Protein backbone atom coordinates (compact mmCIF):
# COMPACT_ATOMS: atom_id res chain seq x y z
CA MET A 1 -25.32 56.05 -19.76
CA SER A 2 -23.36 54.24 -17.02
CA SER A 3 -19.87 55.26 -15.93
CA GLU A 4 -18.56 51.91 -17.16
CA LEU A 5 -19.91 52.68 -20.63
CA TRP A 6 -18.28 56.12 -20.65
CA ILE A 7 -14.93 54.72 -19.52
CA ALA A 8 -15.00 51.89 -22.07
CA GLY A 9 -15.96 54.42 -24.75
CA ALA A 10 -13.01 56.65 -23.86
CA VAL A 11 -10.58 53.70 -23.98
CA PHE A 12 -12.07 52.57 -27.29
CA ILE A 13 -11.72 56.02 -28.88
CA VAL A 14 -8.15 56.49 -27.62
CA THR A 15 -7.15 53.04 -28.91
CA TYR A 16 -8.59 53.51 -32.37
CA ALA A 17 -7.21 57.06 -32.58
CA LEU A 18 -3.70 55.77 -31.84
CA ILE A 19 -4.11 52.97 -34.40
CA SER A 20 -5.19 55.52 -37.00
CA LEU A 21 -2.62 58.25 -36.23
CA ARG A 22 0.29 55.91 -35.38
CA ARG A 23 2.16 58.75 -33.73
CA LEU A 24 2.09 61.35 -30.98
CA PRO A 25 4.05 64.63 -31.04
CA TRP A 26 6.91 63.07 -29.08
CA ILE A 27 6.83 59.41 -30.11
CA GLU A 28 5.84 57.08 -32.93
CA ILE A 29 3.50 54.24 -32.01
CA THR A 30 3.09 50.99 -33.92
CA THR A 31 -0.39 49.54 -34.42
CA TRP A 32 0.35 46.56 -32.16
CA GLN A 33 1.55 48.84 -29.37
CA ALA A 34 -1.64 50.89 -29.67
CA SER A 35 -3.90 47.83 -29.56
CA LEU A 36 -2.07 46.29 -26.59
CA PHE A 37 -2.24 49.64 -24.78
CA GLY A 38 -5.99 49.69 -25.33
CA ALA A 39 -6.29 46.07 -24.18
CA ALA A 40 -4.36 46.82 -21.00
CA LEU A 41 -6.64 49.79 -20.27
CA MET A 42 -9.78 47.70 -20.86
CA LEU A 43 -8.51 45.14 -18.35
CA LEU A 44 -7.39 47.83 -15.92
CA VAL A 45 -10.76 49.62 -15.82
CA GLY A 46 -12.62 46.30 -15.56
CA ALA A 47 -14.49 46.60 -18.87
CA VAL A 48 -13.53 42.99 -19.55
CA SER A 49 -12.25 40.44 -17.03
CA PHE A 50 -9.36 38.00 -17.39
CA ASP A 51 -11.82 35.10 -17.08
CA LEU A 52 -13.52 36.17 -20.33
CA LEU A 53 -10.34 36.53 -22.41
CA PRO A 54 -10.56 33.01 -23.90
CA ASP A 55 -14.04 33.91 -25.18
CA TYR A 56 -12.79 36.96 -27.07
CA VAL A 57 -9.19 36.17 -28.11
CA ASN A 58 -9.70 34.06 -31.23
CA SER A 59 -6.83 31.56 -31.12
CA GLU A 60 -7.87 30.01 -34.44
CA ILE A 61 -7.19 33.18 -36.43
CA LEU A 62 -3.87 33.68 -34.62
CA LEU A 63 -2.70 30.15 -35.46
CA LEU A 64 -3.89 30.51 -39.06
CA LEU A 65 -1.90 33.73 -39.51
CA LEU A 66 1.17 32.26 -37.79
CA GLY A 67 1.15 29.21 -40.07
CA MET A 68 0.84 31.30 -43.25
CA MET A 69 3.63 33.62 -42.10
CA MET A 70 5.91 30.64 -41.49
CA LEU A 71 5.19 29.36 -45.00
CA VAL A 72 5.95 32.72 -46.62
CA ALA A 73 9.14 33.12 -44.58
CA SER A 74 10.27 29.64 -45.66
CA LEU A 75 9.57 30.46 -49.32
CA ASP A 76 11.66 33.60 -48.96
CA VAL A 77 14.63 31.82 -47.38
CA CYS A 78 14.57 29.22 -50.17
CA GLY A 79 14.76 31.90 -52.88
CA PHE A 80 11.18 31.95 -54.16
CA PHE A 81 10.99 35.74 -54.24
CA ASP A 82 14.38 35.99 -55.95
CA ILE A 83 12.81 33.97 -58.75
CA ALA A 84 9.89 36.41 -58.76
CA ALA A 85 12.33 39.33 -59.11
CA GLY A 86 14.07 37.56 -61.99
CA LEU A 87 10.77 37.03 -63.77
CA LEU A 88 9.93 40.72 -63.43
CA MET A 89 13.32 41.63 -64.94
CA ARG A 90 12.45 39.60 -68.00
CA CYS A 91 9.11 41.36 -68.34
CA SER A 92 10.52 44.91 -68.41
CA VAL A 93 10.41 45.19 -72.22
CA SER A 94 7.73 47.90 -71.93
CA GLY A 95 5.80 49.75 -69.27
CA ARG A 96 2.52 48.02 -70.12
CA VAL A 97 4.04 44.55 -69.89
CA LEU A 98 5.95 45.28 -66.68
CA LEU A 99 2.89 46.83 -65.01
CA GLY A 100 0.75 43.85 -65.96
CA SER A 101 3.41 41.42 -64.74
CA VAL A 102 3.79 43.21 -61.40
CA MET A 103 0.04 43.29 -60.84
CA ILE A 104 -0.63 39.69 -61.86
CA LEU A 105 2.26 38.33 -59.79
CA SER A 106 1.30 40.39 -56.73
CA ALA A 107 -2.38 39.48 -57.02
CA VAL A 108 -1.84 35.75 -57.54
CA LEU A 109 0.67 35.44 -54.70
CA SER A 110 -1.59 37.45 -52.39
CA ALA A 111 -4.48 35.11 -53.10
CA LEU A 112 -2.34 32.12 -52.15
CA VAL A 113 -0.56 33.52 -49.10
CA LEU A 114 -0.99 36.60 -46.90
CA ASN A 115 -0.79 39.85 -48.87
CA ASP A 116 1.14 41.71 -46.16
CA ALA A 117 3.98 39.19 -46.39
CA VAL A 118 3.87 39.26 -50.19
CA VAL A 119 4.24 43.05 -50.48
CA LEU A 120 7.03 43.05 -47.89
CA LEU A 121 9.07 40.76 -50.14
CA MET A 122 7.85 42.06 -53.52
CA THR A 123 8.70 45.71 -52.80
CA PRO A 124 12.52 45.39 -52.89
CA ALA A 125 12.24 43.14 -55.96
CA VAL A 126 10.18 45.74 -57.83
CA ILE A 127 12.47 48.61 -56.79
CA ARG A 128 15.51 46.69 -58.01
CA CYS A 129 13.81 45.87 -61.30
CA CYS A 130 12.78 49.51 -61.87
CA GLN A 131 16.28 50.78 -61.08
CA LYS A 132 17.81 48.42 -63.61
CA ALA A 133 15.18 49.22 -66.25
CA GLY A 134 15.52 52.95 -65.63
CA CYS A 135 11.85 53.62 -64.88
CA ASP A 136 10.03 55.51 -62.14
CA PRO A 137 9.43 52.98 -59.33
CA ILE A 138 6.48 54.81 -57.73
CA PRO A 139 3.78 53.72 -60.23
CA TYR A 140 4.94 50.12 -59.90
CA LEU A 141 5.07 50.24 -56.10
CA ILE A 142 1.52 51.57 -56.04
CA ALA A 143 0.59 48.75 -58.43
CA VAL A 144 2.10 46.24 -55.97
CA PHE A 145 -0.21 47.05 -53.07
CA VAL A 146 -3.26 47.90 -55.19
CA SER A 147 -3.10 44.51 -56.92
CA ALA A 148 -2.07 42.69 -53.73
CA ASN A 149 -5.15 44.03 -51.95
CA ILE A 150 -7.39 43.09 -54.88
CA GLY A 151 -5.86 39.63 -55.24
CA SER A 152 -6.10 38.98 -51.52
CA ALA A 153 -9.86 39.51 -51.70
CA ALA A 154 -10.19 36.26 -53.66
CA THR A 155 -9.53 33.76 -50.85
CA VAL A 156 -9.90 33.37 -47.10
CA ILE A 157 -6.12 33.13 -46.73
CA GLY A 158 -5.40 36.26 -48.77
CA ASN A 159 -5.43 38.73 -45.90
CA PRO A 160 -6.03 38.83 -42.13
CA GLN A 161 -9.55 40.26 -42.34
CA ASN A 162 -10.71 37.51 -44.72
CA ALA A 163 -9.27 34.85 -42.44
CA TYR A 164 -11.04 36.47 -39.50
CA ILE A 165 -14.36 36.65 -41.37
CA ALA A 166 -14.15 33.04 -42.58
CA THR A 167 -13.41 31.84 -39.05
CA SER A 168 -16.10 33.97 -37.40
CA ALA A 169 -18.85 33.23 -39.94
CA ASP A 170 -17.77 29.64 -40.68
CA ILE A 171 -17.46 30.23 -44.43
CA GLY A 172 -15.73 27.44 -46.35
CA PHE A 173 -12.71 28.08 -48.58
CA LEU A 174 -14.49 27.07 -51.81
CA THR A 175 -17.73 28.83 -50.91
CA PHE A 176 -15.82 32.05 -50.31
CA SER A 177 -13.68 31.75 -53.44
CA GLN A 178 -16.50 30.90 -55.84
CA TYR A 179 -17.99 34.32 -55.14
CA MET A 180 -14.82 36.35 -54.66
CA VAL A 181 -12.46 35.08 -57.39
CA PRO A 182 -14.60 36.46 -60.27
CA LEU A 183 -14.95 39.78 -58.44
CA SER A 184 -11.19 40.00 -57.89
CA LEU A 185 -10.47 39.26 -61.56
CA ILE A 186 -12.87 41.98 -62.71
CA CYS A 187 -11.42 44.53 -60.28
CA LEU A 188 -7.83 43.61 -61.18
CA ALA A 189 -8.49 44.15 -64.89
CA LEU A 190 -10.21 47.48 -64.25
CA SER A 191 -7.39 48.63 -61.97
CA TYR A 192 -4.76 47.73 -64.57
CA PHE A 193 -6.40 49.89 -67.23
CA MET A 194 -6.98 52.72 -64.75
CA LEU A 195 -3.32 52.72 -63.69
CA LEU A 196 -2.27 52.73 -67.36
CA LEU A 197 -4.48 55.75 -67.92
CA LEU A 198 -3.45 57.59 -64.75
CA PHE A 199 0.31 57.06 -65.02
CA GLY A 200 0.78 57.14 -68.80
CA LYS A 201 4.38 57.68 -69.89
CA ARG A 202 5.69 57.48 -66.31
CA LEU A 203 5.59 53.72 -66.84
CA ASP A 204 8.05 53.63 -69.75
CA PRO A 205 11.52 52.15 -68.98
CA ASP A 206 14.59 54.05 -70.27
CA HIS A 207 16.57 50.93 -71.12
CA PRO A 208 14.33 47.87 -71.33
CA ASP A 209 17.00 45.52 -72.69
CA ILE A 210 18.58 45.00 -69.29
CA HIS A 211 20.90 42.17 -68.39
CA ARG A 212 18.97 39.11 -67.32
CA GLU A 213 20.54 37.80 -64.16
CA PRO A 214 20.44 34.06 -63.44
CA MET A 215 17.75 33.06 -60.92
CA ARG A 216 19.28 31.33 -57.89
CA TYR A 217 17.35 29.29 -55.37
CA ASP A 218 17.83 26.58 -52.77
CA ARG A 219 16.85 22.99 -53.59
CA ARG A 220 14.68 23.00 -50.46
CA LEU A 221 12.28 25.22 -52.38
CA TYR A 222 10.79 22.16 -54.10
CA PRO A 223 9.46 20.45 -50.95
CA VAL A 224 8.27 23.81 -49.57
CA LEU A 225 6.33 24.42 -52.80
CA ALA A 226 4.91 20.90 -52.54
CA ILE A 227 3.74 21.69 -49.01
CA MET A 228 2.14 24.91 -50.22
CA ALA A 229 0.32 23.04 -53.00
CA GLY A 230 -0.90 20.46 -50.50
CA MET A 231 -2.13 23.21 -48.20
CA ILE A 232 -4.14 24.83 -50.99
CA VAL A 233 -5.76 21.48 -51.86
CA LEU A 234 -6.64 20.89 -48.20
CA PHE A 235 -7.95 24.44 -47.84
CA ALA A 236 -10.27 23.77 -50.76
CA ALA A 237 -11.47 20.50 -49.22
CA SER A 238 -11.48 21.70 -45.61
CA HIS A 239 -15.25 22.12 -45.33
CA ALA A 240 -15.98 18.68 -46.80
CA LEU A 241 -13.33 17.00 -44.64
CA ASP A 242 -14.26 19.06 -41.56
CA ILE A 243 -10.65 20.19 -41.06
CA PRO A 244 -10.22 23.66 -39.53
CA LEU A 245 -8.25 26.14 -41.65
CA TRP A 246 -5.89 26.97 -38.79
CA SER A 247 -4.72 23.36 -38.44
CA ILE A 248 -3.86 23.15 -42.16
CA ALA A 249 -1.99 26.46 -42.08
CA LEU A 250 -0.09 25.69 -38.89
CA THR A 251 0.87 22.17 -39.99
CA GLY A 252 2.08 23.43 -43.36
CA GLY A 253 3.98 26.29 -41.76
CA VAL A 254 5.71 24.02 -39.24
CA LEU A 255 6.66 21.47 -41.93
CA SER A 256 8.10 24.27 -44.10
CA TYR A 257 10.04 25.56 -41.11
CA ILE A 258 11.47 22.09 -40.40
CA ILE A 259 12.66 21.77 -44.01
CA VAL A 260 14.31 25.19 -43.93
CA ALA A 261 15.89 24.40 -40.54
CA THR A 262 18.05 21.75 -42.24
CA LYS A 263 19.82 24.62 -43.99
CA GLY A 264 21.36 25.82 -40.73
CA ARG A 265 20.97 28.23 -37.86
CA LYS A 266 21.04 31.37 -40.02
CA ALA A 267 18.08 30.13 -42.04
CA VAL A 268 16.13 29.45 -38.84
CA VAL A 269 16.83 32.97 -37.59
CA ARG A 270 15.70 34.44 -40.93
CA VAL A 271 12.40 32.58 -40.76
CA VAL A 272 11.74 33.73 -37.19
CA ARG A 273 12.57 37.34 -38.09
CA ARG A 274 10.33 37.25 -41.18
CA ILE A 275 7.29 36.32 -39.11
CA ASP A 276 5.32 39.50 -38.40
CA TRP A 277 4.88 39.08 -34.66
CA GLY A 278 3.45 42.60 -34.50
CA VAL A 279 0.38 41.53 -36.50
CA LEU A 280 -0.34 38.72 -34.03
CA LEU A 281 0.01 41.08 -31.05
CA PHE A 282 -2.17 43.61 -32.89
CA PHE A 283 -4.96 41.05 -33.20
CA ILE A 284 -4.68 39.95 -29.55
CA GLY A 285 -4.99 43.55 -28.40
CA LEU A 286 -7.95 44.30 -30.67
CA PHE A 287 -9.78 41.16 -29.55
CA ILE A 288 -9.53 42.31 -25.93
CA VAL A 289 -10.58 45.89 -26.79
CA MET A 290 -13.63 44.57 -28.64
CA GLY A 291 -14.38 42.30 -25.69
CA GLY A 292 -14.50 45.37 -23.48
CA ALA A 293 -16.77 47.13 -25.98
CA VAL A 294 -19.19 44.19 -25.99
CA GLU A 295 -19.23 43.61 -22.22
CA SER A 296 -19.75 47.28 -21.39
CA GLY A 297 -22.63 47.70 -23.85
CA LEU A 298 -20.62 50.18 -25.93
CA LEU A 299 -21.03 48.12 -29.09
CA ASP A 300 -24.84 48.16 -28.84
CA THR A 301 -24.77 51.94 -28.45
CA PHE A 302 -22.45 52.28 -31.43
CA THR A 303 -24.64 50.02 -33.58
CA ASP A 304 -27.75 52.08 -32.84
CA ALA A 305 -25.91 55.24 -33.90
CA ILE A 306 -24.92 54.00 -37.39
CA PRO A 307 -27.55 54.62 -40.11
CA GLY A 308 -28.93 51.34 -41.49
CA PHE A 309 -27.51 49.19 -38.67
CA SER A 310 -30.00 49.76 -35.87
CA ASP A 311 -32.44 47.10 -37.10
CA GLY A 312 -29.72 44.44 -36.87
CA SER A 313 -29.43 43.73 -40.60
CA PRO A 314 -27.77 46.42 -42.76
CA SER A 315 -28.16 46.46 -46.52
CA ILE A 316 -25.30 45.64 -48.89
CA GLY A 317 -25.12 49.32 -49.85
CA SER A 318 -25.04 50.74 -46.32
CA LEU A 319 -22.49 48.16 -45.18
CA THR A 320 -20.26 48.94 -48.18
CA VAL A 321 -20.31 52.67 -47.45
CA VAL A 322 -19.75 52.35 -43.69
CA THR A 323 -16.96 49.78 -44.14
CA ALA A 324 -15.22 51.90 -46.78
CA ILE A 325 -15.26 54.97 -44.54
CA LEU A 326 -14.10 53.13 -41.42
CA SER A 327 -11.35 51.29 -43.32
CA ASN A 328 -9.77 54.60 -44.29
CA LEU A 329 -10.15 56.12 -40.85
CA ILE A 330 -8.81 53.25 -38.75
CA SER A 331 -7.59 50.71 -41.40
CA ASN A 332 -9.45 47.64 -42.62
CA VAL A 333 -8.60 44.99 -40.00
CA PRO A 334 -9.84 47.06 -37.02
CA SER A 335 -12.94 47.97 -39.05
CA VAL A 336 -13.80 44.32 -39.69
CA ILE A 337 -13.34 43.35 -36.05
CA LEU A 338 -15.58 46.27 -35.06
CA LEU A 339 -18.34 45.53 -37.60
CA ASP A 340 -18.18 41.76 -37.12
CA ASN A 341 -20.54 41.90 -34.14
CA MET A 342 -23.15 43.86 -36.12
CA ILE A 343 -23.77 41.29 -38.88
CA PRO A 344 -26.22 38.37 -38.61
CA ALA A 345 -24.35 35.07 -38.35
CA GLY A 346 -25.86 33.30 -41.36
CA ASP A 347 -26.05 36.20 -43.83
CA LEU A 348 -23.44 35.21 -46.45
CA ALA A 349 -24.13 38.26 -48.62
CA LEU A 350 -23.26 40.68 -45.81
CA TRP A 351 -20.15 38.76 -44.75
CA LEU A 352 -18.87 38.81 -48.34
CA THR A 353 -19.73 42.51 -48.56
CA LEU A 354 -17.75 43.20 -45.39
CA SER A 355 -14.80 41.23 -46.76
CA ALA A 356 -14.76 42.79 -50.23
CA SER A 357 -15.47 46.37 -49.22
CA SER A 358 -12.93 46.42 -46.37
CA THR A 359 -10.26 45.00 -48.67
CA LEU A 360 -10.93 47.12 -51.77
CA ALA A 361 -11.51 50.31 -49.78
CA GLY A 362 -8.00 49.79 -48.44
CA ASN A 363 -6.68 51.08 -51.77
CA MET A 364 -8.19 54.53 -51.24
CA THR A 365 -5.54 56.01 -48.93
CA MET A 366 -2.04 55.13 -47.76
CA ILE A 367 -3.38 54.07 -44.35
CA GLY A 368 -6.36 52.10 -45.69
CA ALA A 369 -4.55 48.77 -45.47
CA ALA A 370 -1.42 47.42 -43.81
CA ALA A 371 -0.04 46.43 -47.23
CA ASN A 372 0.01 50.09 -48.31
CA VAL A 373 1.93 51.12 -45.21
CA ILE A 374 4.42 48.26 -45.63
CA VAL A 375 5.21 49.23 -49.24
CA SER A 376 5.55 52.90 -48.28
CA GLU A 377 7.89 52.15 -45.36
CA GLU A 378 10.04 49.74 -47.40
CA ALA A 379 10.33 52.31 -50.20
CA GLU A 380 11.37 55.06 -47.79
CA LYS A 381 14.30 52.91 -46.67
CA VAL A 382 15.85 53.57 -50.11
CA SER A 383 14.70 57.22 -50.27
CA ILE A 384 11.61 56.62 -52.43
CA ARG A 385 8.62 58.51 -51.03
CA ILE A 386 5.02 57.89 -52.03
CA ASP A 387 3.26 61.18 -51.26
CA PHE A 388 0.09 60.70 -49.21
CA TRP A 389 -1.90 63.46 -50.93
CA LYS A 390 -0.72 62.73 -54.47
CA PHE A 391 -1.66 59.09 -54.00
CA LEU A 392 -5.28 60.13 -53.39
CA LYS A 393 -5.51 61.02 -57.10
CA ILE A 394 -4.86 57.35 -57.80
CA GLY A 395 -6.44 55.66 -54.79
CA ILE A 396 -9.81 57.42 -54.78
CA PRO A 397 -10.82 56.64 -58.39
CA VAL A 398 -9.51 53.07 -58.23
CA SER A 399 -11.32 52.39 -54.94
CA LEU A 400 -14.58 54.03 -55.97
CA VAL A 401 -14.75 52.08 -59.23
CA THR A 402 -13.95 48.73 -57.59
CA LEU A 403 -16.37 49.39 -54.70
CA PHE A 404 -19.13 50.29 -57.15
CA VAL A 405 -18.43 47.07 -59.06
CA THR A 406 -18.52 45.15 -55.76
CA TYR A 407 -21.89 46.63 -54.84
CA GLY A 408 -23.35 45.81 -58.26
CA TYR A 409 -21.84 42.32 -58.33
CA LEU A 410 -23.07 41.28 -54.89
CA THR A 411 -26.48 42.91 -55.39
CA LEU A 412 -26.96 40.90 -58.59
CA LEU A 413 -25.90 37.67 -56.86
CA PHE A 414 -27.98 38.11 -53.73
């Protein structure tokens, strides 16, 4: 092995270790800081040159994510998620009804816009609803990210890894959804009944007849919703019209931002702050790290070392297992970017397997997906702690069942 390969390997391991651990004994490190640190090292050691950066930094996925974040931020400023909180209040007549409402709302919204943004805004709404209804918020917070992850699997705009896969493999919105929507619905129903069984009486509210507060929203919400509806229609027709997904998302996001900007400077600042710039930086860093892995030959070495991957075309089963393990070691987005280069370009079955297994495996542990971490961090701000080890009793069975269903479903189809 060459010295360049060893150096690139060391940088790669350090980067992914920092992304997974997110802290050192003396300092906490965010995922975007870890990925940019790795990118800087790859450039410093010469594993990838500046001239090659445009080949590896996927601007289309960055613009797609930016546009969707702008849309979600605009919806928030206009009061859309206040309406969502009000609807949940009205559904707190029983634990079963409230759990179903939380899961359906989280799943549907996550299929339409990015799940990370949805859980960020849904978490305080669910906590508030649970406090008023007098029920334990932890089961419902777990339901938020479990259902958000499952719902996000349905579309290419549901989560960052799906958007990345659709862009890399050139999978159309409708083609993706016609396979993944039925799978998401099956997994959502199974997860609902499993959470009912696992949580039992912890779901029951103490005083379900709570005061129903009026739902307030800004009149600008109507045009923003119209833009969102138009975006979804264009997403569905994007392949037929030969319109790239990123241009639809960015145009819709900018138009939403312009509408919200008429509300005043404070609204503009809120939109800018709601955009998760860290996710965009995280992707930029990972793209460069993966560029270094490819240029140095590290990726070829890694591929040969994984069982079932050395022949260049893994099976649905082996890809599901490897993706599930990696997603819970280093989170699902880094796993997808790593495995992307190991899948044949035109193999739709394997791309869908990568998408579904990386997303659904994210429910296994608290670090399996960014949505899980976001809910946990938002809950800790109000002294609600979701225990990492206790969650495994929920996450492992839910993930294993949904992954098994995914394997069976895709095997039957392909």
